[in-house]
Amino acid sequence: MWKNKKGAALLQVLLVTAILAGMATMLLRASLSRTTAARKTRRTVSAQLLVQSCMAEVNTLWSLKSTETFARDLRQCLMYCDSSDVTSTCPAANSVRTHECSYDLNGETYKVLAEFTTTSPTEDSSTKCKLVYTITSDNDTL
C-alpha cells in the first residue's frame, strides 16, 4: 500500500515540475525575444544617428566650397580636391574620394567613412556618383 502512495506522490511532483519548467521556458523565450528586438532597434537607431551626423559634416564641407569648385568636384565624384587651383578637372594625385568622421559614444570610438564608389559618371549614362557610408567601431562593424 505504501508503494502506491509513494509512486502517486512522485508522479505528482514530476508532473508539477514539468509544468513549471514549461512555463519558465515560455517566459524566458518571451523575455529573450523582447531583449533581442530592443537591442537590434537600439543599434539601428545609433547607426542612423552616426550616419546622419557624418552627413551633416560632409554637407558642411561641401557648403564651404565655391559654386565652381563644388560643380567640378561633383562632376568627378570627389569629396574635395587637395589643390587650390580651380580648373575644369582635379589631378588624380590631389583627388580625395573619402571623408572620415569620428565619434566617441559610450566609451567606444566609432568611425564613419563616407566614400564615393564610382570614379566618374559619363555624360549620357544614368550612372551617378554614389556616396556610401560605412560604420566601424573599436571592436567590430556596427
N, C-alpha and C. Protein backbone atom coordinates (compact mmCIF):
# COMPACT_ATOMS: atom_id res chain seq x y z
N MET A 1 0.80 -1.18 0.00
CA MET A 1 0.00 0.00 0.00
C MET A 1 0.86 1.27 0.00
N TRP A 2 1.95 1.25 0.76
CA TRP A 2 2.82 2.41 0.80
C TRP A 2 3.49 2.67 -0.54
N LYS A 3 3.78 1.63 -1.25
CA LYS A 3 4.44 1.80 -2.53
C LYS A 3 3.57 2.58 -3.50
N ASN A 4 2.28 2.31 -3.53
CA ASN A 4 1.38 3.03 -4.43
C ASN A 4 1.30 4.51 -4.07
N LYS A 5 1.26 4.82 -2.77
CA LYS A 5 1.17 6.22 -2.36
C LYS A 5 2.46 6.97 -2.70
N LYS A 6 3.59 6.29 -2.52
CA LYS A 6 4.87 6.93 -2.86
C LYS A 6 4.96 7.15 -4.37
N GLY A 7 4.51 6.21 -5.16
CA GLY A 7 4.53 6.35 -6.62
C GLY A 7 3.62 7.48 -7.09
N ALA A 8 2.43 7.59 -6.48
CA ALA A 8 1.49 8.65 -6.85
C ALA A 8 2.06 10.01 -6.48
N ALA A 9 2.67 10.12 -5.31
CA ALA A 9 3.27 11.39 -4.89
C ALA A 9 4.43 11.77 -5.81
N LEU A 10 5.24 10.78 -6.17
CA LEU A 10 6.35 11.03 -7.08
C LEU A 10 5.85 11.48 -8.44
N LEU A 11 4.80 10.86 -8.94
CA LEU A 11 4.22 11.23 -10.22
C LEU A 11 3.67 12.65 -10.18
N GLN A 12 3.03 13.03 -9.07
CA GLN A 12 2.51 14.40 -8.93
C GLN A 12 3.66 15.42 -8.92
N VAL A 13 4.73 15.11 -8.19
CA VAL A 13 5.87 16.01 -8.15
C VAL A 13 6.49 16.17 -9.53
N LEU A 14 6.64 15.07 -10.26
CA LEU A 14 7.20 15.14 -11.61
C LEU A 14 6.30 15.94 -12.55
N LEU A 15 5.00 15.76 -12.42
CA LEU A 15 4.05 16.48 -13.26
C LEU A 15 4.10 17.99 -12.99
N VAL A 16 4.11 18.36 -11.71
CA VAL A 16 4.19 19.78 -11.35
C VAL A 16 5.52 20.35 -11.81
N THR A 17 6.60 19.61 -11.68
CA THR A 17 7.92 20.06 -12.13
C THR A 17 7.94 20.30 -13.64
N ALA A 18 7.35 19.39 -14.39
CA ALA A 18 7.30 19.54 -15.85
C ALA A 18 6.49 20.77 -16.24
N ILE A 19 5.38 21.00 -15.57
CA ILE A 19 4.55 22.18 -15.88
C ILE A 19 5.31 23.46 -15.56
N LEU A 20 5.96 23.51 -14.40
CA LEU A 20 6.72 24.70 -14.04
C LEU A 20 7.90 24.94 -14.98
N ALA A 21 8.57 23.88 -15.40
CA ALA A 21 9.68 24.02 -16.34
C ALA A 21 9.18 24.55 -17.68
N GLY A 22 8.04 24.07 -18.13
CA GLY A 22 7.46 24.57 -19.39
C GLY A 22 7.10 26.03 -19.30
N MET A 23 6.51 26.44 -18.19
CA MET A 23 6.15 27.86 -18.00
C MET A 23 7.40 28.74 -17.94
N ALA A 24 8.43 28.27 -17.25
CA ALA A 24 9.67 29.03 -17.16
C ALA A 24 10.32 29.18 -18.53
N THR A 25 10.27 28.12 -19.32
CA THR A 25 10.84 28.17 -20.67
C THR A 25 10.11 29.18 -21.54
N MET A 26 8.78 29.20 -21.47
CA MET A 26 7.99 30.17 -22.26
C MET A 26 8.28 31.59 -21.82
N LEU A 27 8.40 31.82 -20.52
CA LEU A 27 8.70 33.17 -20.03
C LEU A 27 10.09 33.62 -20.46
N LEU A 28 11.06 32.73 -20.39
CA LEU A 28 12.41 33.08 -20.84
C LEU A 28 12.47 33.37 -22.33
N ARG A 29 11.74 32.60 -23.10
CA ARG A 29 11.70 32.83 -24.56
C ARG A 29 11.11 34.19 -24.88
N ALA A 30 10.01 34.52 -24.22
CA ALA A 30 9.36 35.82 -24.46
C ALA A 30 10.29 36.96 -24.04
N SER A 31 10.94 36.81 -22.91
CA SER A 31 11.84 37.84 -22.42
C SER A 31 13.05 38.00 -23.34
N LEU A 32 13.60 36.90 -23.79
CA LEU A 32 14.77 36.95 -24.67
C LEU A 32 14.43 37.59 -26.01
N SER A 33 13.28 37.29 -26.57
CA SER A 33 12.92 37.88 -27.87
C SER A 33 12.70 39.38 -27.74
N ARG A 34 12.13 39.83 -26.62
CA ARG A 34 11.95 41.27 -26.41
C ARG A 34 13.29 41.96 -26.25
N THR A 35 14.20 41.35 -25.52
CA THR A 35 15.53 41.92 -25.31
C THR A 35 16.29 42.00 -26.63
N THR A 36 16.21 40.95 -27.43
CA THR A 36 16.89 40.93 -28.72
C THR A 36 16.33 42.00 -29.65
N ALA A 37 15.01 42.13 -29.68
CA ALA A 37 14.39 43.16 -30.53
C ALA A 37 14.78 44.56 -30.08
N ALA A 38 14.82 44.78 -28.77
CA ALA A 38 15.21 46.10 -28.25
C ALA A 38 16.67 46.41 -28.59
N ARG A 39 17.54 45.41 -28.50
CA ARG A 39 18.95 45.60 -28.81
C ARG A 39 19.14 45.93 -30.29
N LYS A 40 18.43 45.21 -31.16
CA LYS A 40 18.54 45.49 -32.60
C LYS A 40 18.04 46.89 -32.93
N THR A 41 16.94 47.29 -32.30
CA THR A 41 16.39 48.63 -32.54
C THR A 41 17.37 49.70 -32.08
N ARG A 42 17.97 49.49 -30.90
CA ARG A 42 18.93 50.47 -30.38
C ARG A 42 20.14 50.59 -31.30
N ARG A 43 20.65 49.47 -31.81
CA ARG A 43 21.80 49.50 -32.71
C ARG A 43 21.44 50.19 -34.03
N THR A 44 20.24 49.94 -34.53
CA THR A 44 19.81 50.57 -35.79
C THR A 44 19.69 52.07 -35.63
N VAL A 45 19.07 52.51 -34.53
CA VAL A 45 18.91 53.94 -34.31
C VAL A 45 20.27 54.61 -34.11
N SER A 46 21.16 53.96 -33.36
CA SER A 46 22.51 54.51 -33.16
C SER A 46 23.24 54.65 -34.49
N ALA A 47 23.14 53.64 -35.34
CA ALA A 47 23.80 53.68 -36.64
C ALA A 47 23.24 54.82 -37.49
N GLN A 48 21.92 54.99 -37.46
CA GLN A 48 21.32 56.07 -38.24
C GLN A 48 21.78 57.44 -37.75
N LEU A 49 21.89 57.59 -36.43
CA LEU A 49 22.34 58.87 -35.88
C LEU A 49 23.80 59.15 -36.25
N LEU A 50 24.63 58.12 -36.22
CA LEU A 50 26.03 58.31 -36.61
C LEU A 50 26.15 58.70 -38.07
N VAL A 51 25.39 58.05 -38.94
CA VAL A 51 25.44 58.37 -40.37
C VAL A 51 24.91 59.78 -40.62
N GLN A 52 23.83 60.16 -39.94
CA GLN A 52 23.28 61.50 -40.13
C GLN A 52 24.26 62.57 -39.65
N SER A 53 24.98 62.29 -38.57
CA SER A 53 25.99 63.25 -38.09
C SER A 53 27.10 63.41 -39.12
N CYS A 54 27.52 62.30 -39.71
CA CYS A 54 28.58 62.39 -40.73
C CYS A 54 28.05 63.07 -41.99
N MET A 55 26.79 62.84 -42.34
CA MET A 55 26.19 63.53 -43.49
C MET A 55 26.21 65.04 -43.27
N ALA A 56 25.90 65.46 -42.05
CA ALA A 56 25.93 66.89 -41.74
C ALA A 56 27.34 67.45 -41.87
N GLU A 57 28.32 66.67 -41.46
CA GLU A 57 29.72 67.09 -41.58
C GLU A 57 30.13 67.22 -43.05
N VAL A 58 29.72 66.24 -43.87
CA VAL A 58 30.04 66.28 -45.31
C VAL A 58 29.33 67.46 -45.97
N ASN A 59 28.07 67.70 -45.59
CA ASN A 59 27.33 68.84 -46.16
C ASN A 59 27.99 70.16 -45.79
N THR A 60 28.50 70.26 -44.58
CA THR A 60 29.21 71.48 -44.17
C THR A 60 30.49 71.65 -44.99
N LEU A 61 31.20 70.55 -45.19
CA LEU A 61 32.42 70.59 -46.02
C LEU A 61 32.09 71.09 -47.42
N TRP A 62 30.99 70.58 -47.99
CA TRP A 62 30.61 70.99 -49.34
C TRP A 62 30.07 72.42 -49.39
N SER A 63 29.41 72.86 -48.33
CA SER A 63 28.82 74.20 -48.36
C SER A 63 29.88 75.30 -48.30
N LEU A 64 31.08 74.96 -47.87
CA LEU A 64 32.15 75.95 -47.81
C LEU A 64 32.83 76.16 -49.16
N LYS A 65 32.50 75.33 -50.14
CA LYS A 65 33.12 75.45 -51.47
C LYS A 65 32.42 76.53 -52.30
N SER A 66 33.17 77.04 -53.25
CA SER A 66 32.55 77.96 -54.22
C SER A 66 31.70 77.13 -55.18
N THR A 67 30.87 77.79 -55.93
CA THR A 67 29.98 77.10 -56.87
C THR A 67 30.77 76.33 -57.92
N GLU A 68 31.83 76.95 -58.44
CA GLU A 68 32.64 76.29 -59.47
C GLU A 68 33.36 75.06 -58.91
N THR A 69 33.92 75.20 -57.72
CA THR A 69 34.64 74.09 -57.11
C THR A 69 33.68 72.94 -56.79
N PHE A 70 32.52 73.26 -56.27
CA PHE A 70 31.53 72.23 -55.95
C PHE A 70 31.10 71.48 -57.21
N ALA A 71 30.84 72.22 -58.29
CA ALA A 71 30.42 71.60 -59.56
C ALA A 71 31.53 70.70 -60.11
N ARG A 72 32.78 71.17 -60.06
CA ARG A 72 33.90 70.37 -60.56
C ARG A 72 34.05 69.09 -59.75
N ASP A 73 34.00 69.20 -58.42
CA ASP A 73 34.18 68.01 -57.58
C ASP A 73 33.04 67.01 -57.75
N LEU A 74 31.83 67.51 -57.89
CA LEU A 74 30.69 66.61 -58.06
C LEU A 74 30.71 65.92 -59.42
N ARG A 75 31.20 66.64 -60.45
CA ARG A 75 31.33 66.01 -61.77
C ARG A 75 32.29 64.83 -61.73
N GLN A 76 33.34 64.94 -60.91
CA GLN A 76 34.35 63.89 -60.82
C GLN A 76 34.12 62.94 -59.65
N CYS A 77 33.00 63.08 -58.94
CA CYS A 77 32.69 62.25 -57.77
C CYS A 77 33.79 62.35 -56.72
N LEU A 78 34.15 63.59 -56.37
CA LEU A 78 35.19 63.82 -55.37
C LEU A 78 34.59 64.42 -54.11
N MET A 79 35.17 64.07 -52.99
CA MET A 79 34.80 64.73 -51.75
C MET A 79 35.36 66.16 -51.79
N TYR A 80 36.63 66.24 -52.15
CA TYR A 80 37.28 67.53 -52.38
C TYR A 80 38.58 67.31 -53.13
N CYS A 81 39.10 68.39 -53.67
CA CYS A 81 40.37 68.34 -54.39
C CYS A 81 41.42 69.01 -53.51
N ASP A 82 42.50 68.32 -53.27
CA ASP A 82 43.55 68.83 -52.39
C ASP A 82 44.45 69.81 -53.14
N SER A 83 43.82 70.75 -53.84
CA SER A 83 44.56 71.72 -54.63
C SER A 83 43.77 73.03 -54.61
N SER A 84 44.45 74.13 -54.59
CA SER A 84 43.76 75.43 -54.57
C SER A 84 43.40 75.89 -55.98
N ASP A 85 43.91 75.20 -56.99
CA ASP A 85 43.66 75.58 -58.38
C ASP A 85 42.25 75.12 -58.78
N VAL A 86 41.39 76.06 -59.17
CA VAL A 86 40.03 75.73 -59.61
C VAL A 86 40.06 75.62 -61.13
N THR A 87 40.30 74.43 -61.60
CA THR A 87 40.31 74.18 -63.04
C THR A 87 39.13 73.27 -63.37
N SER A 88 39.06 72.86 -64.62
CA SER A 88 37.93 72.02 -65.03
C SER A 88 38.05 70.61 -64.47
N THR A 89 39.28 70.15 -64.20
CA THR A 89 39.45 68.81 -63.62
C THR A 89 40.46 68.88 -62.49
N CYS A 90 40.33 67.93 -61.59
CA CYS A 90 41.27 67.84 -60.47
C CYS A 90 42.29 66.76 -60.81
N PRO A 91 43.57 66.99 -60.62
CA PRO A 91 44.57 65.96 -60.89
C PRO A 91 44.33 64.74 -60.00
N ALA A 92 44.59 63.57 -60.54
CA ALA A 92 44.33 62.34 -59.79
C ALA A 92 45.11 62.28 -58.49
N ALA A 93 46.29 62.86 -58.47
CA ALA A 93 47.11 62.84 -57.26
C ALA A 93 46.50 63.67 -56.13
N ASN A 94 45.68 64.66 -56.48
CA ASN A 94 45.08 65.54 -55.48
C ASN A 94 43.62 65.21 -55.17
N SER A 95 43.05 64.25 -55.84
CA SER A 95 41.63 63.95 -55.64
C SER A 95 41.42 63.09 -54.39
N VAL A 96 40.45 63.49 -53.58
CA VAL A 96 40.11 62.77 -52.35
C VAL A 96 38.66 62.33 -52.46
N ARG A 97 38.42 61.02 -52.40
CA ARG A 97 37.08 60.46 -52.57
C ARG A 97 36.42 60.03 -51.26
N THR A 98 37.15 60.14 -50.16
CA THR A 98 36.60 59.69 -48.88
C THR A 98 36.71 60.80 -47.83
N HIS A 99 35.84 60.69 -46.85
CA HIS A 99 35.90 61.59 -45.68
C HIS A 99 35.55 60.74 -44.47
N GLU A 100 36.39 60.82 -43.43
CA GLU A 100 36.15 60.01 -42.23
C GLU A 100 35.70 60.89 -41.08
N CYS A 101 34.59 60.49 -40.46
CA CYS A 101 34.08 61.17 -39.27
C CYS A 101 34.34 60.24 -38.08
N SER A 102 34.69 60.81 -36.95
CA SER A 102 34.98 60.00 -35.77
C SER A 102 34.15 60.51 -34.60
N TYR A 103 33.51 59.58 -33.87
CA TYR A 103 32.65 59.94 -32.75
C TYR A 103 32.93 59.02 -31.56
N ASP A 104 32.94 59.61 -30.36
CA ASP A 104 33.06 58.83 -29.13
C ASP A 104 31.67 58.69 -28.53
N LEU A 105 31.27 57.44 -28.31
CA LEU A 105 29.93 57.15 -27.80
C LEU A 105 30.02 56.01 -26.80
N ASN A 106 29.61 56.27 -25.58
CA ASN A 106 29.60 55.26 -24.52
C ASN A 106 30.98 54.61 -24.33
N GLY A 107 32.02 55.40 -24.37
CA GLY A 107 33.37 54.89 -24.15
C GLY A 107 33.96 54.13 -25.32
N GLU A 108 33.30 54.17 -26.46
CA GLU A 108 33.79 53.47 -27.65
C GLU A 108 33.90 54.47 -28.79
N THR A 109 34.91 54.32 -29.62
CA THR A 109 35.11 55.23 -30.75
C THR A 109 34.53 54.59 -32.00
N TYR A 110 33.63 55.33 -32.65
CA TYR A 110 33.03 54.87 -33.90
C TYR A 110 33.54 55.76 -35.02
N LYS A 111 33.88 55.13 -36.14
CA LYS A 111 34.33 55.87 -37.31
C LYS A 111 33.34 55.63 -38.44
N VAL A 112 32.93 56.72 -39.07
CA VAL A 112 32.02 56.64 -40.21
C VAL A 112 32.80 57.10 -41.42
N LEU A 113 32.86 56.24 -42.42
CA LEU A 113 33.59 56.56 -43.64
C LEU A 113 32.59 56.87 -44.75
N ALA A 114 32.63 58.10 -45.26
CA ALA A 114 31.82 58.50 -46.40
C ALA A 114 32.70 58.35 -47.64
N GLU A 115 32.23 57.55 -48.61
CA GLU A 115 33.09 57.24 -49.75
C GLU A 115 32.28 57.20 -51.04
N PHE A 116 32.82 57.84 -52.08
CA PHE A 116 32.23 57.73 -53.41
C PHE A 116 32.65 56.39 -54.00
N THR A 117 31.68 55.62 -54.50
CA THR A 117 32.01 54.29 -55.01
C THR A 117 32.28 54.27 -56.50
N THR A 118 31.82 55.26 -57.25
CA THR A 118 32.11 55.30 -58.68
C THR A 118 33.20 56.33 -58.93
N THR A 119 33.98 56.11 -59.98
CA THR A 119 35.09 57.02 -60.26
C THR A 119 34.59 58.31 -60.90
N SER A 120 33.84 58.19 -61.96
CA SER A 120 33.31 59.39 -62.59
C SER A 120 32.17 59.00 -63.53
N PRO A 121 31.06 59.70 -63.43
CA PRO A 121 29.93 59.35 -64.30
C PRO A 121 30.15 59.86 -65.72
N THR A 122 29.58 59.15 -66.67
CA THR A 122 29.65 59.61 -68.06
C THR A 122 28.49 60.56 -68.32
N GLU A 123 28.64 61.38 -69.31
CA GLU A 123 27.63 62.41 -69.59
C GLU A 123 26.27 61.82 -69.96
N ASP A 124 26.26 60.78 -70.81
CA ASP A 124 25.00 60.26 -71.31
C ASP A 124 24.49 59.05 -70.50
N SER A 125 25.23 58.62 -69.52
CA SER A 125 24.84 57.45 -68.74
C SER A 125 23.96 57.85 -67.56
N SER A 126 23.19 56.90 -67.07
CA SER A 126 22.35 57.17 -65.91
C SER A 126 23.13 56.92 -64.62
N THR A 127 24.40 56.54 -64.75
CA THR A 127 25.23 56.29 -63.57
C THR A 127 25.56 57.62 -62.90
N LYS A 128 25.28 57.71 -61.63
CA LYS A 128 25.58 58.92 -60.87
C LYS A 128 26.61 58.59 -59.80
N CYS A 129 27.09 59.61 -59.15
CA CYS A 129 28.01 59.41 -58.03
C CYS A 129 27.22 58.77 -56.89
N LYS A 130 27.76 57.72 -56.32
CA LYS A 130 27.08 57.05 -55.22
C LYS A 130 27.92 57.22 -53.97
N LEU A 131 27.33 57.78 -52.93
CA LEU A 131 28.02 58.02 -51.67
C LEU A 131 27.60 56.94 -50.69
N VAL A 132 28.56 56.17 -50.19
CA VAL A 132 28.28 55.05 -49.29
C VAL A 132 28.89 55.37 -47.93
N TYR A 133 28.13 55.11 -46.87
CA TYR A 133 28.60 55.32 -45.51
C TYR A 133 28.84 53.97 -44.85
N THR A 134 30.02 53.80 -44.24
CA THR A 134 30.38 52.56 -43.55
C THR A 134 30.76 52.92 -42.12
N ILE A 135 30.18 52.19 -41.16
CA ILE A 135 30.45 52.44 -39.74
C ILE A 135 31.34 51.33 -39.21
N THR A 136 32.43 51.72 -38.55
CA THR A 136 33.27 50.75 -37.85
C THR A 136 33.50 51.24 -36.43
N SER A 137 33.72 50.31 -35.52
CA SER A 137 34.00 50.67 -34.13
C SER A 137 35.31 50.04 -33.71
N ASP A 138 35.68 50.25 -32.45
CA ASP A 138 36.91 49.66 -31.92
C ASP A 138 36.85 48.15 -31.98
N ASN A 139 35.67 47.58 -31.75
CA ASN A 139 35.52 46.13 -31.69
C ASN A 139 35.22 45.51 -33.04
N ASP A 140 34.15 45.98 -33.70
CA ASP A 140 33.74 45.42 -34.98
C ASP A 140 32.87 46.41 -35.72
N THR A 141 32.35 46.00 -36.87
CA THR A 141 31.48 46.86 -37.65
C THR A 141 30.12 46.91 -36.99
N LEU A 142 29.56 48.11 -36.89
CA LEU A 142 28.24 48.27 -36.27
C LEU A 142 27.16 47.87 -37.22
